[in-house]
N, C-alpha and C. Protein backbone atom coordinates (compact mmCIF):
# COMPACT_ATOMS: atom_id res chain seq x y z
N MET A 1 38.31 2.17 -14.94
CA MET A 1 39.05 1.30 -14.03
C MET A 1 38.82 1.79 -12.59
N HIS A 2 38.58 0.85 -11.72
CA HIS A 2 38.34 1.17 -10.31
C HIS A 2 39.65 1.16 -9.53
N THR A 3 39.61 1.76 -8.35
CA THR A 3 40.77 1.75 -7.46
C THR A 3 40.45 0.89 -6.24
N PHE A 4 41.51 0.45 -5.59
CA PHE A 4 41.29 -0.34 -4.38
C PHE A 4 40.70 0.52 -3.27
N LYS A 5 41.00 1.81 -3.26
CA LYS A 5 40.43 2.72 -2.27
C LYS A 5 38.90 2.75 -2.40
N GLU A 6 38.38 2.72 -3.63
CA GLU A 6 36.92 2.66 -3.82
C GLU A 6 36.34 1.42 -3.15
N VAL A 7 37.00 0.30 -3.35
CA VAL A 7 36.55 -0.96 -2.75
C VAL A 7 36.54 -0.84 -1.23
N LEU A 8 37.63 -0.33 -0.67
CA LEU A 8 37.72 -0.15 0.79
C LEU A 8 36.62 0.77 1.31
N ASP A 9 36.41 1.90 0.64
CA ASP A 9 35.39 2.85 1.07
C ASP A 9 34.01 2.21 1.10
N ILE A 10 33.69 1.44 0.07
CA ILE A 10 32.39 0.77 0.01
C ILE A 10 32.26 -0.24 1.14
N LEU A 11 33.31 -1.00 1.39
CA LEU A 11 33.26 -1.99 2.47
C LEU A 11 33.09 -1.33 3.83
N TYR A 12 33.82 -0.25 4.08
CA TYR A 12 33.67 0.46 5.36
C TYR A 12 32.26 1.00 5.52
N LYS A 13 31.73 1.62 4.46
CA LYS A 13 30.39 2.20 4.52
C LYS A 13 29.30 1.14 4.69
N SER A 14 29.57 -0.07 4.19
CA SER A 14 28.58 -1.15 4.28
C SER A 14 28.58 -1.83 5.64
N GLY A 15 29.57 -1.49 6.48
CA GLY A 15 29.61 -2.05 7.82
C GLY A 15 30.28 -3.40 7.93
N ASN A 16 30.93 -3.86 6.86
CA ASN A 16 31.63 -5.14 6.93
C ASN A 16 32.87 -5.01 7.80
N LEU A 17 33.08 -5.99 8.66
CA LEU A 17 34.23 -6.00 9.55
C LEU A 17 35.45 -6.53 8.79
N LEU A 18 36.45 -5.68 8.64
CA LEU A 18 37.66 -6.06 7.92
C LEU A 18 38.73 -6.51 8.91
N LYS A 19 39.33 -7.66 8.62
CA LYS A 19 40.36 -8.22 9.50
C LYS A 19 41.69 -8.24 8.74
N PRO A 20 42.60 -7.33 9.08
CA PRO A 20 43.85 -7.21 8.34
C PRO A 20 44.89 -8.26 8.71
N CYS A 21 45.80 -8.50 7.77
CA CYS A 21 47.00 -9.26 8.07
C CYS A 21 48.00 -8.31 8.71
N LYS A 22 48.85 -8.86 9.54
CA LYS A 22 49.97 -8.09 10.09
C LYS A 22 51.05 -7.98 9.01
N GLU A 23 51.90 -6.98 9.14
CA GLU A 23 52.96 -6.77 8.15
C GLU A 23 53.83 -8.02 8.01
N ARG A 24 54.14 -8.68 9.11
CA ARG A 24 54.99 -9.87 9.04
C ARG A 24 54.29 -11.01 8.28
N GLU A 25 52.96 -11.06 8.33
CA GLU A 25 52.22 -12.09 7.59
C GLU A 25 52.26 -11.81 6.09
N VAL A 26 52.15 -10.55 5.72
CA VAL A 26 52.26 -10.18 4.30
C VAL A 26 53.66 -10.54 3.81
N LYS A 27 54.67 -10.24 4.60
CA LYS A 27 56.06 -10.57 4.22
C LYS A 27 56.24 -12.08 4.11
N ARG A 28 55.56 -12.84 4.97
CA ARG A 28 55.66 -14.30 4.91
C ARG A 28 55.14 -14.83 3.57
N VAL A 29 54.07 -14.23 3.06
CA VAL A 29 53.54 -14.64 1.75
C VAL A 29 54.61 -14.41 0.68
N GLU A 30 55.22 -13.23 0.70
CA GLU A 30 56.26 -12.93 -0.29
C GLU A 30 57.45 -13.88 -0.15
N GLU A 31 57.85 -14.15 1.08
CA GLU A 31 59.00 -15.03 1.32
C GLU A 31 58.70 -16.47 0.94
N GLU A 32 57.51 -16.93 1.27
CA GLU A 32 57.11 -18.31 0.97
C GLU A 32 57.18 -18.58 -0.53
N TYR A 33 56.75 -17.61 -1.32
CA TYR A 33 56.73 -17.77 -2.78
C TYR A 33 57.95 -17.17 -3.46
N GLY A 34 58.78 -16.46 -2.70
CA GLY A 34 59.97 -15.83 -3.28
C GLY A 34 59.63 -14.78 -4.31
N VAL A 35 58.62 -13.96 -4.01
CA VAL A 35 58.14 -12.96 -4.96
C VAL A 35 57.94 -11.61 -4.29
N ARG A 36 57.78 -10.59 -5.13
CA ARG A 36 57.32 -9.28 -4.68
C ARG A 36 55.89 -9.16 -5.16
N LEU A 37 54.96 -9.01 -4.24
CA LEU A 37 53.55 -8.94 -4.59
C LEU A 37 53.18 -7.55 -5.10
N PRO A 38 52.19 -7.46 -5.99
CA PRO A 38 51.71 -6.15 -6.47
C PRO A 38 51.13 -5.34 -5.31
N SER A 39 51.27 -4.03 -5.38
CA SER A 39 50.83 -3.17 -4.27
C SER A 39 49.34 -3.29 -3.99
N VAL A 40 48.51 -3.48 -5.02
CA VAL A 40 47.06 -3.61 -4.77
C VAL A 40 46.79 -4.87 -3.95
N TYR A 41 47.51 -5.95 -4.23
CA TYR A 41 47.30 -7.18 -3.45
C TYR A 41 47.83 -7.01 -2.02
N ILE A 42 48.93 -6.29 -1.87
CA ILE A 42 49.44 -6.00 -0.52
C ILE A 42 48.41 -5.18 0.25
N GLU A 43 47.77 -4.22 -0.41
CA GLU A 43 46.70 -3.44 0.23
C GLU A 43 45.55 -4.34 0.66
N PHE A 44 45.18 -5.28 -0.20
CA PHE A 44 44.12 -6.24 0.14
C PHE A 44 44.49 -6.99 1.42
N LEU A 45 45.68 -7.58 1.44
CA LEU A 45 46.11 -8.34 2.61
C LEU A 45 46.20 -7.45 3.85
N SER A 46 46.73 -6.25 3.69
CA SER A 46 46.94 -5.34 4.81
C SER A 46 45.65 -4.78 5.38
N ASN A 47 44.59 -4.80 4.61
CA ASN A 47 43.30 -4.27 5.07
C ASN A 47 42.28 -5.34 5.42
N MET A 48 42.32 -6.48 4.72
CA MET A 48 41.29 -7.50 4.94
C MET A 48 41.79 -8.91 4.66
N GLY A 49 43.07 -9.13 4.81
CA GLY A 49 43.65 -10.42 4.48
C GLY A 49 43.17 -11.60 5.30
N LYS A 50 42.50 -11.32 6.42
CA LYS A 50 42.00 -12.41 7.26
C LYS A 50 40.47 -12.46 7.30
N GLY A 51 39.84 -11.67 6.43
CA GLY A 51 38.38 -11.71 6.35
C GLY A 51 37.80 -10.32 6.16
N ALA A 52 36.59 -10.30 5.59
CA ALA A 52 35.96 -9.01 5.28
C ALA A 52 34.44 -9.11 5.36
N GLY A 53 33.94 -9.75 6.40
CA GLY A 53 32.49 -9.85 6.55
C GLY A 53 31.88 -10.65 5.41
N ASP A 54 30.90 -10.06 4.73
CA ASP A 54 30.22 -10.75 3.63
C ASP A 54 31.02 -10.73 2.33
N PHE A 55 32.06 -9.91 2.27
CA PHE A 55 32.84 -9.76 1.05
C PHE A 55 33.64 -11.03 0.79
N MET A 56 33.37 -11.66 -0.32
CA MET A 56 34.02 -12.89 -0.77
C MET A 56 33.85 -14.04 0.23
N LEU A 57 32.79 -13.96 1.01
CA LEU A 57 32.47 -15.02 1.96
C LEU A 57 32.24 -16.32 1.19
N GLY A 58 32.88 -17.39 1.60
CA GLY A 58 32.74 -18.67 0.92
C GLY A 58 33.81 -18.92 -0.13
N SER A 59 34.59 -17.91 -0.44
CA SER A 59 35.70 -18.08 -1.38
C SER A 59 36.99 -18.28 -0.59
N SER A 60 37.90 -19.01 -1.17
CA SER A 60 39.21 -19.23 -0.56
C SER A 60 40.14 -18.15 -1.08
N CYS A 61 40.36 -17.13 -0.27
CA CYS A 61 41.20 -16.01 -0.72
C CYS A 61 41.88 -15.31 0.45
N PHE A 62 41.63 -15.78 1.64
CA PHE A 62 42.17 -15.11 2.82
C PHE A 62 43.39 -15.86 3.35
N TYR A 63 44.08 -15.24 4.27
CA TYR A 63 45.40 -15.70 4.73
C TYR A 63 45.42 -17.17 5.14
N ASP A 64 44.37 -17.65 5.77
CA ASP A 64 44.38 -19.03 6.25
C ASP A 64 44.45 -20.06 5.12
N GLU A 65 44.18 -19.64 3.88
CA GLU A 65 44.21 -20.59 2.76
C GLU A 65 45.16 -20.19 1.63
N ILE A 66 45.76 -19.02 1.73
CA ILE A 66 46.63 -18.52 0.66
C ILE A 66 47.69 -19.54 0.25
N PHE A 67 48.27 -20.20 1.22
CA PHE A 67 49.42 -21.06 0.94
C PHE A 67 49.04 -22.38 0.27
N SER A 68 47.75 -22.66 0.14
CA SER A 68 47.29 -23.87 -0.53
C SER A 68 46.72 -23.61 -1.92
N LEU A 69 46.43 -22.36 -2.24
CA LEU A 69 45.68 -22.05 -3.46
C LEU A 69 46.37 -22.52 -4.74
N LYS A 70 47.66 -22.30 -4.86
CA LYS A 70 48.34 -22.70 -6.10
C LYS A 70 48.31 -24.21 -6.27
N ASP A 71 48.55 -24.95 -5.19
CA ASP A 71 48.50 -26.42 -5.27
C ASP A 71 47.11 -26.89 -5.69
N TRP A 72 46.08 -26.30 -5.10
CA TRP A 72 44.71 -26.67 -5.46
C TRP A 72 44.43 -26.36 -6.93
N ALA A 73 44.91 -25.22 -7.40
CA ALA A 73 44.69 -24.83 -8.80
C ALA A 73 45.41 -25.80 -9.75
N VAL A 74 46.64 -26.14 -9.43
CA VAL A 74 47.40 -27.08 -10.26
C VAL A 74 46.68 -28.43 -10.31
N GLU A 75 46.19 -28.88 -9.17
CA GLU A 75 45.45 -30.15 -9.11
C GLU A 75 44.20 -30.09 -9.98
N LEU A 76 43.46 -29.00 -9.92
CA LEU A 76 42.25 -28.84 -10.72
C LEU A 76 42.57 -28.86 -12.21
N LEU A 77 43.62 -28.17 -12.61
CA LEU A 77 44.02 -28.16 -14.02
C LEU A 77 44.42 -29.55 -14.49
N GLU A 78 45.17 -30.27 -13.66
CA GLU A 78 45.61 -31.63 -14.02
C GLU A 78 44.42 -32.57 -14.13
N GLU A 79 43.47 -32.48 -13.19
CA GLU A 79 42.28 -33.33 -13.23
C GLU A 79 41.49 -33.13 -14.52
N ASN A 80 41.52 -31.92 -15.05
CA ASN A 80 40.74 -31.60 -16.24
C ASN A 80 41.55 -31.59 -17.53
N GLY A 81 42.82 -31.99 -17.44
CA GLY A 81 43.66 -32.05 -18.63
C GLY A 81 43.86 -30.70 -19.30
N PHE A 82 43.88 -29.63 -18.49
CA PHE A 82 44.03 -28.28 -19.02
C PHE A 82 45.50 -27.89 -18.97
N ARG A 83 45.86 -26.87 -19.72
CA ARG A 83 47.26 -26.43 -19.73
C ARG A 83 47.73 -26.01 -18.34
N SER A 84 49.02 -25.91 -18.16
CA SER A 84 49.60 -25.53 -16.87
C SER A 84 49.46 -24.03 -16.62
N LEU A 85 49.56 -23.67 -15.35
CA LEU A 85 49.60 -22.25 -15.00
C LEU A 85 50.85 -21.61 -15.59
N PRO A 86 50.76 -20.36 -16.01
CA PRO A 86 51.96 -19.66 -16.47
C PRO A 86 53.01 -19.59 -15.36
N GLU A 87 54.25 -19.57 -15.75
CA GLU A 87 55.38 -19.61 -14.81
C GLU A 87 55.31 -18.55 -13.72
N ASN A 88 54.99 -17.33 -14.06
CA ASN A 88 55.06 -16.21 -13.13
C ASN A 88 53.69 -15.82 -12.57
N SER A 89 52.82 -16.82 -12.39
CA SER A 89 51.46 -16.53 -11.93
C SER A 89 51.35 -16.68 -10.41
N PHE A 90 50.35 -16.01 -9.86
CA PHE A 90 50.07 -16.09 -8.43
C PHE A 90 48.56 -16.30 -8.27
N VAL A 91 48.18 -17.47 -7.78
CA VAL A 91 46.77 -17.79 -7.56
C VAL A 91 46.36 -17.16 -6.23
N PHE A 92 45.35 -16.29 -6.27
CA PHE A 92 44.95 -15.55 -5.07
C PHE A 92 43.50 -15.79 -4.67
N TRP A 93 42.74 -16.52 -5.49
CA TRP A 93 41.30 -16.68 -5.22
C TRP A 93 40.83 -18.00 -5.80
N MET A 94 40.04 -18.72 -5.03
CA MET A 94 39.42 -19.95 -5.51
C MET A 94 38.02 -20.01 -4.92
N HIS A 95 37.10 -20.59 -5.69
CA HIS A 95 35.72 -20.68 -5.20
C HIS A 95 35.20 -22.10 -5.40
N GLN A 96 34.80 -22.70 -4.30
CA GLN A 96 34.15 -24.02 -4.30
C GLN A 96 34.96 -25.12 -4.98
N GLY A 97 36.26 -24.91 -5.13
CA GLY A 97 37.14 -25.95 -5.65
C GLY A 97 37.06 -26.19 -7.15
N TYR A 98 36.25 -25.42 -7.89
CA TYR A 98 36.14 -25.67 -9.32
C TYR A 98 36.47 -24.45 -10.19
N GLN A 99 36.81 -23.33 -9.55
CA GLN A 99 37.21 -22.14 -10.31
C GLN A 99 38.23 -21.35 -9.50
N PHE A 100 39.13 -20.69 -10.21
CA PHE A 100 40.14 -19.89 -9.51
C PHE A 100 40.55 -18.71 -10.37
N ALA A 101 41.22 -17.75 -9.72
CA ALA A 101 41.73 -16.56 -10.40
C ALA A 101 43.19 -16.36 -10.02
N PHE A 102 43.93 -15.79 -10.97
CA PHE A 102 45.35 -15.51 -10.72
C PHE A 102 45.76 -14.25 -11.46
N PHE A 103 46.89 -13.70 -11.05
CA PHE A 103 47.50 -12.58 -11.77
C PHE A 103 48.95 -12.93 -12.05
N MET A 104 49.54 -12.17 -12.97
CA MET A 104 50.94 -12.35 -13.31
C MET A 104 51.77 -11.40 -12.45
N LEU A 105 52.84 -11.91 -11.89
CA LEU A 105 53.65 -11.13 -10.96
C LEU A 105 54.51 -10.06 -11.64
N ASP A 106 54.61 -10.12 -12.95
CA ASP A 106 55.44 -9.15 -13.66
C ASP A 106 54.61 -8.10 -14.40
N GLU A 107 53.36 -7.91 -13.99
CA GLU A 107 52.48 -6.95 -14.67
C GLU A 107 52.20 -5.71 -13.83
N GLY A 108 53.10 -5.32 -12.97
CA GLY A 108 52.94 -4.08 -12.22
C GLY A 108 52.13 -4.21 -10.95
N ASP A 109 51.70 -3.07 -10.43
CA ASP A 109 51.06 -3.03 -9.11
C ASP A 109 49.56 -3.27 -9.11
N ASN A 110 48.94 -3.29 -10.28
CA ASN A 110 47.50 -3.53 -10.38
C ASN A 110 47.25 -4.40 -11.62
N PRO A 111 47.75 -5.65 -11.59
CA PRO A 111 47.76 -6.50 -12.78
C PRO A 111 46.37 -6.98 -13.21
N GLN A 112 46.31 -7.42 -14.47
CA GLN A 112 45.10 -8.06 -14.98
C GLN A 112 44.87 -9.36 -14.20
N VAL A 113 43.61 -9.80 -14.20
CA VAL A 113 43.24 -11.04 -13.50
C VAL A 113 42.73 -12.04 -14.52
N PHE A 114 43.25 -13.25 -14.44
CA PHE A 114 42.84 -14.34 -15.32
C PHE A 114 42.07 -15.38 -14.51
N PHE A 115 41.23 -16.13 -15.20
CA PHE A 115 40.25 -16.98 -14.54
C PHE A 115 40.22 -18.35 -15.20
N TYR A 116 39.98 -19.37 -14.38
CA TYR A 116 39.74 -20.72 -14.88
C TYR A 116 38.56 -21.31 -14.13
N THR A 117 37.72 -22.00 -14.86
CA THR A 117 36.66 -22.80 -14.25
C THR A 117 36.58 -24.12 -14.99
N GLU A 118 36.11 -25.15 -14.33
CA GLU A 118 35.98 -26.45 -15.00
C GLU A 118 35.15 -26.34 -16.26
N VAL A 119 34.27 -25.36 -16.33
CA VAL A 119 33.46 -25.15 -17.53
C VAL A 119 34.37 -24.89 -18.73
N ASN A 120 35.53 -24.24 -18.52
CA ASN A 120 36.49 -24.01 -19.61
C ASN A 120 36.83 -25.34 -20.29
N SER A 121 37.14 -26.34 -19.49
CA SER A 121 37.54 -27.64 -20.03
C SER A 121 36.38 -28.29 -20.76
N ASN A 122 35.18 -28.16 -20.21
CA ASN A 122 34.01 -28.79 -20.83
C ASN A 122 33.62 -28.12 -22.14
N ASN A 123 33.94 -26.84 -22.29
CA ASN A 123 33.60 -26.11 -23.52
C ASN A 123 34.77 -26.03 -24.49
N ASN A 124 35.82 -26.78 -24.23
CA ASN A 124 37.01 -26.79 -25.07
C ASN A 124 37.64 -25.40 -25.21
N THR A 125 37.52 -24.57 -24.19
CA THR A 125 38.19 -23.28 -24.18
C THR A 125 39.69 -23.54 -24.00
N PRO A 126 40.52 -23.10 -24.95
CA PRO A 126 41.93 -23.49 -24.92
C PRO A 126 42.81 -22.71 -23.95
N ASP A 127 42.31 -21.61 -23.41
CA ASP A 127 43.19 -20.80 -22.58
C ASP A 127 42.43 -20.21 -21.40
N PHE A 128 43.17 -19.58 -20.51
CA PHE A 128 42.56 -18.90 -19.37
C PHE A 128 41.79 -17.69 -19.87
N ILE A 129 40.78 -17.29 -19.13
CA ILE A 129 39.91 -16.17 -19.51
C ILE A 129 40.39 -14.91 -18.80
N LEU A 130 40.47 -13.80 -19.54
CA LEU A 130 40.75 -12.52 -18.90
C LEU A 130 39.50 -12.11 -18.14
N GLN A 131 39.59 -12.10 -16.81
CA GLN A 131 38.44 -11.83 -15.95
C GLN A 131 38.27 -10.34 -15.66
N ALA A 132 39.39 -9.64 -15.47
CA ALA A 132 39.33 -8.21 -15.12
C ALA A 132 40.59 -7.52 -15.63
N GLU A 133 40.42 -6.28 -16.04
CA GLU A 133 41.55 -5.50 -16.55
C GLU A 133 42.54 -5.13 -15.45
N SER A 134 42.10 -5.21 -14.19
CA SER A 134 42.99 -4.92 -13.07
C SER A 134 42.52 -5.68 -11.83
N LEU A 135 43.42 -5.84 -10.90
CA LEU A 135 43.09 -6.50 -9.64
C LEU A 135 42.04 -5.70 -8.88
N ALA A 136 42.15 -4.38 -8.89
CA ALA A 136 41.15 -3.54 -8.23
C ALA A 136 39.78 -3.73 -8.87
N ASP A 137 39.73 -3.87 -10.20
CA ASP A 137 38.46 -4.13 -10.88
C ASP A 137 37.88 -5.48 -10.46
N PHE A 138 38.74 -6.48 -10.30
CA PHE A 138 38.27 -7.79 -9.83
C PHE A 138 37.61 -7.65 -8.47
N PHE A 139 38.27 -6.97 -7.55
CA PHE A 139 37.71 -6.80 -6.21
C PHE A 139 36.40 -6.00 -6.27
N TYR A 140 36.32 -5.01 -7.14
CA TYR A 140 35.09 -4.23 -7.28
C TYR A 140 33.94 -5.13 -7.77
N GLU A 141 34.22 -5.99 -8.74
CA GLU A 141 33.19 -6.92 -9.23
C GLU A 141 32.77 -7.90 -8.13
N GLU A 142 33.71 -8.27 -7.28
CA GLU A 142 33.38 -9.16 -6.17
C GLU A 142 32.44 -8.48 -5.16
N LEU A 143 32.48 -7.14 -5.08
CA LEU A 143 31.50 -6.43 -4.25
C LEU A 143 30.09 -6.73 -4.76
N LYS A 144 29.93 -6.78 -6.07
CA LYS A 144 28.63 -7.11 -6.67
C LYS A 144 28.28 -8.57 -6.41
N MET A 145 29.23 -9.46 -6.64
CA MET A 145 28.99 -10.89 -6.45
C MET A 145 28.65 -11.22 -5.00
N SER A 146 29.17 -10.43 -4.09
CA SER A 146 28.92 -10.63 -2.66
C SER A 146 27.62 -9.96 -2.20
N GLY A 147 26.95 -9.26 -3.11
CA GLY A 147 25.69 -8.60 -2.77
C GLY A 147 25.85 -7.31 -1.98
N ILE A 148 27.04 -6.75 -1.97
CA ILE A 148 27.30 -5.53 -1.20
C ILE A 148 26.87 -4.29 -1.99
N ILE A 149 27.05 -4.34 -3.31
CA ILE A 149 26.54 -3.28 -4.20
C ILE A 149 25.82 -3.95 -5.36
N GLU A 150 25.06 -3.16 -6.10
CA GLU A 150 24.35 -3.71 -7.27
C GLU A 150 25.13 -3.51 -8.54
């Protein structure tokens, strides 16, 4: 299992410009949803919540879109006749409008990450896919997807 510090160290060494959220912006996310966010996600927002260079470039996961992600995910699920999001879920990442990732708010500070793509509906996959054993692992895999590491 990877740590979020590993992800940060790699991003700093790669020269990507990280744009943090202010503390009040992180609190606004919690207040808007009436939740306590996992510490790894708070670290993400506090270090790069407004952008991170090439890291996750093109994905909807930064502060300017956070407040729309759950609505977009619900709409995508409804369009495809897929089951509803679990009650205590938090959608934190979407890519190109056809796939998204979420974690459960009651799974501690580094929760598992679940994934949905329209391909699930086309392949008759009945449930969300476990994408990563932890949120830090998800971010580490995104370093690969972003071409920052191999």
